[in-house]
PDB file of N, CA and C in Angstrom:
ATOM      1  N   MET A   1     -28.646  36.822   1.329  1.00  0.00           N
ATOM      2  CA  MET A   1     -28.000  36.034   2.066  1.00  0.00           C
ATOM      3  C   MET A   1     -26.816  35.847   1.122  1.00  0.00           C
ATOM      4  N   ARG A   2     -25.626  35.691   1.816  1.00  0.00           N
ATOM      5  CA  ARG A   2     -24.585  35.016   0.917  1.00  0.00           C
ATOM      6  C   ARG A   2     -24.603  34.074   1.261  1.00  0.00           C
ATOM      7  N   ARG A   3     -23.887  33.649   0.098  1.00  0.00           N
ATOM      8  CA  ARG A   3     -23.252  31.948  -0.175  1.00  0.00           C
ATOM      9  C   ARG A   3     -21.799  32.168  -0.552  1.00  0.00           C
ATOM     10  N   TRP A   4     -21.052  31.125   0.302  1.00  0.00           N
ATOM     11  CA  TRP A   4     -19.813  31.094   0.246  1.00  0.00           C
ATOM     12  C   TRP A   4     -19.027  30.043  -0.735  1.00  0.00           C
ATOM     13  N   PRO A   5     -18.181  30.374  -1.407  1.00  0.00           N
ATOM     14  CA  PRO A   5     -17.669  29.060  -2.737  1.00  0.00           C
ATOM     15  C   PRO A   5     -17.552  27.785  -1.676  1.00  0.00           C
ATOM     16  N   LYS A   6     -17.496  26.993  -2.217  1.00  0.00           N
ATOM     17  CA  LYS A   6     -16.935  25.746  -1.460  1.00  0.00           C
ATOM     18  C   LYS A   6     -15.755  25.244  -1.228  1.00  0.00           C
ATOM     19  N   SER A   7     -15.350  24.801   0.271  1.00  0.00           N
ATOM     20  CA  SER A   7     -14.244  24.888   0.257  1.00  0.00           C
ATOM     21  C   SER A   7     -13.263  23.407  -0.570  1.00  0.00           C
ATOM     22  N   PRO A   8     -11.973  23.807  -1.098  1.00  0.00           N
ATOM     23  CA  PRO A   8     -11.536  23.018  -2.128  1.00  0.00           C
ATOM     24  C   PRO A   8     -11.320  21.481  -1.460  1.00  0.00           C
ATOM     25  N   CYS A   9     -10.929  21.806   0.191  1.00  0.00           N
ATOM     26  CA  CYS A   9     -10.878  20.728   0.685  1.00  0.00           C
ATOM     27  C   CYS A   9     -11.605  19.975   1.005  1.00  0.00           C
ATOM     28  N   LYS A  10     -12.699  20.123   1.052  1.00  0.00           N
ATOM     29  CA  LYS A  10     -14.165  19.612   1.279  1.00  0.00           C
ATOM     30  C   LYS A  10     -14.265  17.800   0.581  1.00  0.00           C
ATOM     31  N   LYS A  11     -14.678  17.397   1.347  1.00  0.00           N
ATOM     32  CA  LYS A  11     -15.167  15.702   0.424  1.00  0.00           C
ATOM     33  C   LYS A  11     -16.258  15.887  -0.666  1.00  0.00           C
ATOM     34  N   SER A  12     -15.808  15.094  -1.464  1.00  0.00           N
ATOM     35  CA  SER A  12     -17.473  14.812  -2.122  1.00  0.00           C
ATOM     36  C   SER A  12     -18.338  14.708  -1.604  1.00  0.00           C
ATOM     37  N   SER A  13     -19.413  15.347  -1.844  1.00  0.00           N
ATOM     38  CA  SER A  13     -20.866  14.809  -1.086  1.00  0.00           C
ATOM     39  C   SER A  13     -21.548  13.319  -1.254  1.00  0.00           C
ATOM     40  N   LYS A  14     -20.639  12.910  -2.649  1.00  0.00           N
ATOM     41  CA  LYS A  14     -21.212  11.537  -2.982  1.00  0.00           C
ATOM     42  C   LYS A  14     -20.719  10.286  -2.482  1.00  0.00           C
ATOM     43  N   THR A  15     -21.128   9.665  -1.674  1.00  0.00           N
ATOM     44  CA  THR A  15     -20.747   8.457  -1.028  1.00  0.00           C
ATOM     45  C   THR A  15     -20.487   7.266  -2.017  1.00  0.00           C
ATOM     46  N   PRO A  16     -19.181   7.037  -2.006  1.00  0.00           N
ATOM     47  CA  PRO A  16     -19.021   5.518  -2.898  1.00  0.00           C
ATOM     48  C   PRO A  16     -20.197   4.524  -2.091  1.00  0.00           C
ATOM     49  N   SER A  17     -20.473   3.655  -3.666  1.00  0.00           N
ATOM     50  CA  SER A  17     -21.317   2.441  -3.479  1.00  0.00           C
ATOM     51  C   SER A  17     -20.476   1.716  -2.365  1.00  0.00           C
ATOM     52  N   LEU A  18     -21.013   0.436  -2.167  1.00  0.00           N
ATOM     53  CA  LEU A  18     -20.740  -0.530  -1.382  1.00  0.00           C
ATOM     54  C   LEU A  18     -19.928  -1.465  -2.354  1.00  0.00           C
ATOM     55  N   ASP A  19     -20.634  -1.905  -3.579  1.00  0.00           N
ATOM     56  CA  ASP A  19     -19.879  -2.401  -4.872  1.00  0.00           C
ATOM     57  C   ASP A  19     -18.394  -2.027  -4.937  1.00  0.00           C
ATOM     58  N   ASP A  20     -18.117  -0.356  -4.894  1.00  0.00           N
ATOM     59  CA  ASP A  20     -17.277   0.297  -5.244  1.00  0.00           C
ATOM     60  C   ASP A  20     -15.894  -0.163  -4.413  1.00  0.00           C
ATOM     61  N   CYS A  21     -16.491   0.049  -3.082  1.00  0.00           N
ATOM     62  CA  CYS A  21     -15.343  -0.573  -1.568  1.00  0.00           C
ATOM     63  C   CYS A  21     -15.060  -1.685  -1.944  1.00  0.00           C
ATOM     64  N   ILE A  22     -16.234  -2.830  -1.943  1.00  0.00           N
ATOM     65  CA  ILE A  22     -15.286  -3.833  -2.590  1.00  0.00           C
ATOM     66  C   ILE A  22     -14.665  -4.585  -3.317  1.00  0.00           C
ATOM     67  N   GLN A  23     -14.974  -3.468  -5.137  1.00  0.00           N
ATOM     68  CA  GLN A  23     -14.264  -3.442  -5.676  1.00  0.00           C
ATOM     69  C   GLN A  23     -12.171  -3.176  -5.628  1.00  0.00           C
ATOM     70  N   ASP A  24     -12.260  -1.873  -4.610  1.00  0.00           N
ATOM     71  CA  ASP A  24     -11.457  -1.251  -4.076  1.00  0.00           C
ATOM     72  C   ASP A  24     -10.318  -1.963  -3.048  1.00  0.00           C
ATOM     73  N   LEU A  25     -10.881  -3.182  -1.796  1.00  0.00           N
ATOM     74  CA  LEU A  25     -10.757  -3.648  -1.232  1.00  0.00           C
ATOM     75  C   LEU A  25     -10.400  -5.057  -2.101  1.00  0.00           C
ATOM     76  N   ASP A  26     -10.943  -5.605  -3.057  1.00  0.00           N
ATOM     77  CA  ASP A  26     -10.789  -6.367  -3.804  1.00  0.00           C
ATOM     78  C   ASP A  26      -9.259  -6.172  -4.551  1.00  0.00           C
ATOM     79  N   THR A  27      -8.883  -5.082  -4.819  1.00  0.00           N
ATOM     80  CA  THR A  27      -7.914  -5.046  -5.838  1.00  0.00           C
ATOM     81  C   THR A  27      -6.862  -4.512  -4.806  1.00  0.00           C
ATOM     82  N   LEU A  28      -6.937  -4.120  -3.395  1.00  0.00           N
ATOM     83  CA  LEU A  28      -5.973  -4.063  -2.842  1.00  0.00           C
ATOM     84  C   LEU A  28      -5.490  -5.316  -1.936  1.00  0.00           C
ATOM     85  N   VAL A  29      -6.246  -6.608  -1.183  1.00  0.00           N
ATOM     86  CA  VAL A  29      -6.007  -8.040  -1.687  1.00  0.00           C
ATOM     87  C   VAL A  29      -5.324  -8.379  -2.503  1.00  0.00           C
ATOM     88  N   ARG A  30      -5.082  -8.471  -3.968  1.00  0.00           N
ATOM     89  CA  ARG A  30      -4.976  -8.826  -4.995  1.00  0.00           C
ATOM     90  C   ARG A  30      -3.001  -8.377  -5.209  1.00  0.00           C
ATOM     91  N   ASP A  31      -3.107  -7.328  -5.070  1.00  0.00           N
ATOM     92  CA  ASP A  31      -2.314  -6.213  -4.921  1.00  0.00           C
ATOM     93  C   ASP A  31      -1.039  -6.650  -3.941  1.00  0.00           C
ATOM     94  N   TYR A  32      -1.326  -6.791  -2.762  1.00  0.00           N
ATOM     95  CA  TYR A  32      -1.158  -7.200  -1.896  1.00  0.00           C
ATOM     96  C   TYR A  32      -0.601  -8.878  -2.095  1.00  0.00           C
ATOM     97  N   LYS A  33      -1.207  -9.879  -2.313  1.00  0.00           N
ATOM     98  CA  LYS A  33      -0.635 -11.375  -2.745  1.00  0.00           C
ATOM     99  C   LYS A  33       0.007 -11.534  -3.848  1.00  0.00           C
ATOM    100  N   ARG A  34       0.294 -10.609  -4.811  1.00  0.00           N
ATOM    101  CA  ARG A  34       0.932 -10.455  -5.936  1.00  0.00           C
ATOM    102  C   ARG A  34       2.400 -10.016  -5.232  1.00  0.00           C
ATOM    103  N   HIS A  35       2.262  -8.802  -4.369  1.00  0.00           N
ATOM    104  CA  HIS A  35       3.575  -8.869  -4.034  1.00  0.00           C
ATOM    105  C   HIS A  35       4.297  -9.514  -3.165  1.00  0.00           C
ATOM    106  N   LYS A  36       3.696  -9.575  -1.867  1.00  0.00           N
ATOM    107  CA  LYS A  36       3.965 -11.180  -1.029  1.00  0.00           C
ATOM    108  C   LYS A  36       4.937 -12.214  -1.722  1.00  0.00           C
ATOM    109  N   SER A  37       3.954 -12.331  -2.577  1.00  0.00           N
ATOM    110  CA  SER A  37       4.698 -13.503  -3.489  1.00  0.00           C
ATOM    111  C   SER A  37       6.125 -13.555  -3.963  1.00  0.00           C
ATOM    112  N   SER A  38       6.155 -12.235  -4.491  1.00  0.00           N
ATOM    113  CA  SER A  38       7.361 -11.514  -4.952  1.00  0.00           C
ATOM    114  C   SER A  38       8.119 -11.753  -4.266  1.00  0.00           C
ATOM    115  N   ARG A  39       7.920 -11.177  -2.992  1.00  0.00           N
ATOM    116  CA  ARG A  39       8.886 -10.932  -1.910  1.00  0.00           C
ATOM    117  C   ARG A  39       9.174 -12.448  -1.365  1.00  0.00           C
ATOM    118  N   ASP A  40       8.517 -13.113  -1.318  1.00  0.00           N
ATOM    119  CA  ASP A  40       8.490 -14.860  -0.821  1.00  0.00           C
ATOM    120  C   ASP A  40       9.896 -15.302  -1.616  1.00  0.00           C
ATOM    121  N   ILE A  41       9.387 -15.453  -3.154  1.00  0.00           N
ATOM    122  CA  ILE A  41      10.694 -15.806  -3.742  1.00  0.00           C
ATOM    123  C   ILE A  41      11.729 -15.478  -3.979  1.00  0.00           C
ATOM    124  N   GLU A  42      12.114 -13.824  -3.313  1.00  0.00           N
ATOM    125  CA  GLU A  42      13.163 -13.151  -3.607  1.00  0.00           C
ATOM    126  C   GLU A  42      14.381 -13.532  -2.299  1.00  0.00           C
ATOM    127  N   ASN A  43      13.272 -13.417  -0.939  1.00  0.00           N
ATOM    128  CA  ASN A  43      13.808 -14.464   0.005  1.00  0.00           C
ATOM    129  C   ASN A  43      14.194 -15.706   0.286  1.00  0.00           C
ATOM    130  N   GLU A  44      13.717 -16.389  -0.381  1.00  0.00           N
ATOM    131  CA  GLU A  44      14.043 -18.012  -1.141  1.00  0.00           C
ATOM    132  C   GLU A  44      15.654 -17.603  -1.923  1.00  0.00           C
ATOM    133  N   GLU A  45      15.191 -17.367  -2.601  1.00  0.00           N
ATOM    134  CA  GLU A  45      16.664 -17.236  -3.415  1.00  0.00           C
ATOM    135  C   GLU A  45      17.567 -16.829  -2.895  1.00  0.00           C
ATOM    136  N   MET A  46      17.553 -15.378  -2.282  1.00  0.00           N
ATOM    137  CA  MET A  46      18.361 -14.896  -0.978  1.00  0.00           C
ATOM    138  C   MET A  46      19.019 -16.368  -0.231  1.00  0.00           C
ATOM    139  N   ALA A  47      18.068 -16.536  -0.044  1.00  0.00           N
ATOM    140  CA  ALA A  47      18.556 -18.180   1.192  1.00  0.00           C
ATOM    141  C   ALA A  47      19.468 -18.962   0.883  1.00  0.00           C
ATOM    142  N   LYS A  48      19.174 -19.876  -0.800  1.00  0.00           N
ATOM    143  CA  LYS A  48      19.872 -20.687  -1.529  1.00  0.00           C
ATOM    144  C   LYS A  48      21.251 -19.686  -2.045  1.00  0.00           C
ATOM    145  N   LEU A  49      21.110 -18.265  -2.442  1.00  0.00           N
ATOM    146  CA  LEU A  49      22.302 -17.862  -2.137  1.00  0.00           C
ATOM    147  C   LEU A  49      23.453 -17.948  -1.060  1.00  0.00           C
ATOM    148  N   HIS A  50      22.752 -17.432   0.145  1.00  0.00           N
ATOM    149  CA  HIS A  50      23.493 -17.581   1.251  1.00  0.00           C
ATOM    150  C   HIS A  50      24.141 -18.699   1.594  1.00  0.00           C
ATOM    151  N   GLN A  51      22.968 -19.838   1.558  1.00  0.00           N
ATOM    152  CA  GLN A  51      23.768 -21.117   1.321  1.00  0.00           C
ATOM    153  C   GLN A  51      24.562 -21.345   0.762  1.00  0.00           C
ATOM    154  N   ILE A  52      24.979 -21.160  -0.175  1.00  0.00           N
ATOM    155  CA  ILE A  52      25.861 -21.431  -0.916  1.00  0.00           C
ATOM    156  C   ILE A  52      27.419 -20.877  -0.694  1.00  0.00           C
ATOM    157  N   LEU A  53      26.850 -19.154  -0.836  1.00  0.00           N
ATOM    158  CA  LEU A  53      28.053 -18.867   0.129  1.00  0.00           C
ATOM    159  C   LEU A  53      28.735 -18.890   1.116  1.00  0.00           C
ATOM    160  N   ARG A  54      28.025 -19.783   1.861  1.00  0.00           N
ATOM    161  CA  ARG A  54      28.514 -20.494   3.205  1.00  0.00           C
ATOM    162  C   ARG A  54      29.115 -21.783   2.959  1.00  0.00           C
ATOM    163  N   GLU A  55      29.011 -22.502   1.968  1.00  0.00           N
ATOM    164  CA  GLU A  55      29.713 -23.387   1.340  1.00  0.00           C
ATOM    165  C   GLU A  55      30.813 -23.572   0.698  1.00  0.00           C
ATOM    166  N   ASP A  56      30.891 -22.391   0.137  1.00  0.00           N
ATOM    167  CA  ASP A  56      32.328 -21.634  -0.367  1.00  0.00           C
ATOM    168  C   ASP A  56      33.148 -21.305   0.642  1.00  0.00           C
ATOM    169  N   GLY A  57      32.751 -21.101   1.876  1.00  0.00           N
ATOM    170  CA  GLY A  57      33.766 -20.969   2.585  1.00  0.00           C
ATOM    171  C   GLY A  57      33.511 -19.019   2.993  1.00  0.00           C
ATOM    172  N   PHE A  58      32.561 -18.422   2.655  1.00  0.00           N
ATOM    173  CA  PHE A  58      32.695 -17.002   2.948  1.00  0.00           C
ATOM    174  C   PHE A  58      32.232 -17.127   4.380  1.00  0.00           C
ATOM    175  N   SER A  59      32.048 -16.090   4.901  1.00  0.00           N
ATOM    176  CA  SER A  59      31.898 -15.554   6.942  1.00  0.00           C
ATOM    177  C   SER A  59      30.422 -14.794   6.297  1.00  0.00           C
ATOM    178  N   GLU A  60      29.903 -15.107   7.692  1.00  0.00           N
ATOM    179  CA  GLU A  60      28.422 -13.969   7.526  1.00  0.00           C
ATOM    180  C   GLU A  60      29.014 -12.596   7.681  1.00  0.00           C
ATOM    181  N   SER A  61      30.015 -11.826   7.699  1.00  0.00           N
ATOM    182  CA  SER A  61      30.619 -10.534   7.697  1.00  0.00           C
ATOM    183  C   SER A  61      30.552 -10.552   5.943  1.00  0.00           C
ATOM    184  N   ASP A  62      30.680 -11.503   5.168  1.00  0.00           N
ATOM    185  CA  ASP A  62      31.212 -11.219   3.855  1.00  0.00           C
ATOM    186  C   ASP A  62      29.564 -11.560   3.352  1.00  0.00           C
ATOM    187  N   LEU A  63      28.858 -11.863   3.739  1.00  0.00           N
ATOM    188  CA  LEU A  63      27.468 -12.067   3.324  1.00  0.00           C
ATOM    189  C   LEU A  63      26.534 -10.855   3.687  1.00  0.00           C
ATOM    190  N   ILE A  64      27.117  -9.852   4.529  1.00  0.00           N
ATOM    191  CA  ILE A  64      26.467  -8.454   5.086  1.00  0.00           C
ATOM    192  C   ILE A  64      26.710  -7.398   3.792  1.00  0.00           C
ATOM    193  N   CYS A  65      28.124  -7.931   3.725  1.00  0.00           N
ATOM    194  CA  CYS A  65      28.536  -7.030   2.991  1.00  0.00           C
ATOM    195  C   CYS A  65      28.112  -7.121   1.558  1.00  0.00           C
ATOM    196  N   TYR A  66      28.135  -8.009   1.370  1.00  0.00           N
ATOM    197  CA  TYR A  66      27.086  -8.403  -0.418  1.00  0.00           C
ATOM    198  C   TYR A  66      25.910  -7.950  -0.064  1.00  0.00           C
ATOM    199  N   GLN A  67      25.171  -8.093   0.674  1.00  0.00           N
ATOM    200  CA  GLN A  67      23.890  -7.597   0.765  1.00  0.00           C
ATOM    201  C   GLN A  67      23.661  -6.538   0.613  1.00  0.00           C
ATOM    202  N   MET A  68      24.893  -5.929   1.119  1.00  0.00           N
ATOM    203  CA  MET A  68      24.245  -4.034   1.312  1.00  0.00           C
ATOM    204  C   MET A  68      25.096  -3.450  -0.115  1.00  0.00           C
ATOM    205  N   HIS A  69      25.859  -3.881  -0.744  1.00  0.00           N
ATOM    206  CA  HIS A  69      26.596  -4.071  -2.009  1.00  0.00           C
ATOM    207  C   HIS A  69      25.396  -4.144  -3.093  1.00  0.00           C
ATOM    208  N   HIS A  70      24.819  -5.148  -2.630  1.00  0.00           N
ATOM    209  CA  HIS A  70      23.664  -5.867  -3.702  1.00  0.00           C
ATOM    210  C   HIS A  70      22.203  -4.766  -3.855  1.00  0.00           C
ATOM    211  N   ASN A  71      22.177  -3.898  -2.358  1.00  0.00           N
ATOM    212  CA  ASN A  71      20.999  -3.875  -2.014  1.00  0.00           C
ATOM    213  C   ASN A  71      21.110  -2.242  -2.577  1.00  0.00           C
ATOM    214  N   ARG A  72      21.958  -2.006  -3.578  1.00  0.00           N
ATOM    215  CA  ARG A  72      22.109  -0.540  -4.023  1.00  0.00           C
ATOM    216  C   ARG A  72      21.227   0.211  -4.909  1.00  0.00           C
TER     217      ARG A  72
END
């Protein structure tokens, strides 16, 4: 009987343990929370900047142009 080589695309026969899966999920949740916190701070800072620029007489279109230039 001829034995064929294992396919490189075939998944490992070892199934990850429940602890490994929980640890992976924990890492994903922690990363998400850290990035969400950073985005929240950035959004808050941009809102403050928009308010200051409006108070200084800049129009909404000026703010959009500033954002486009700033995000490059």
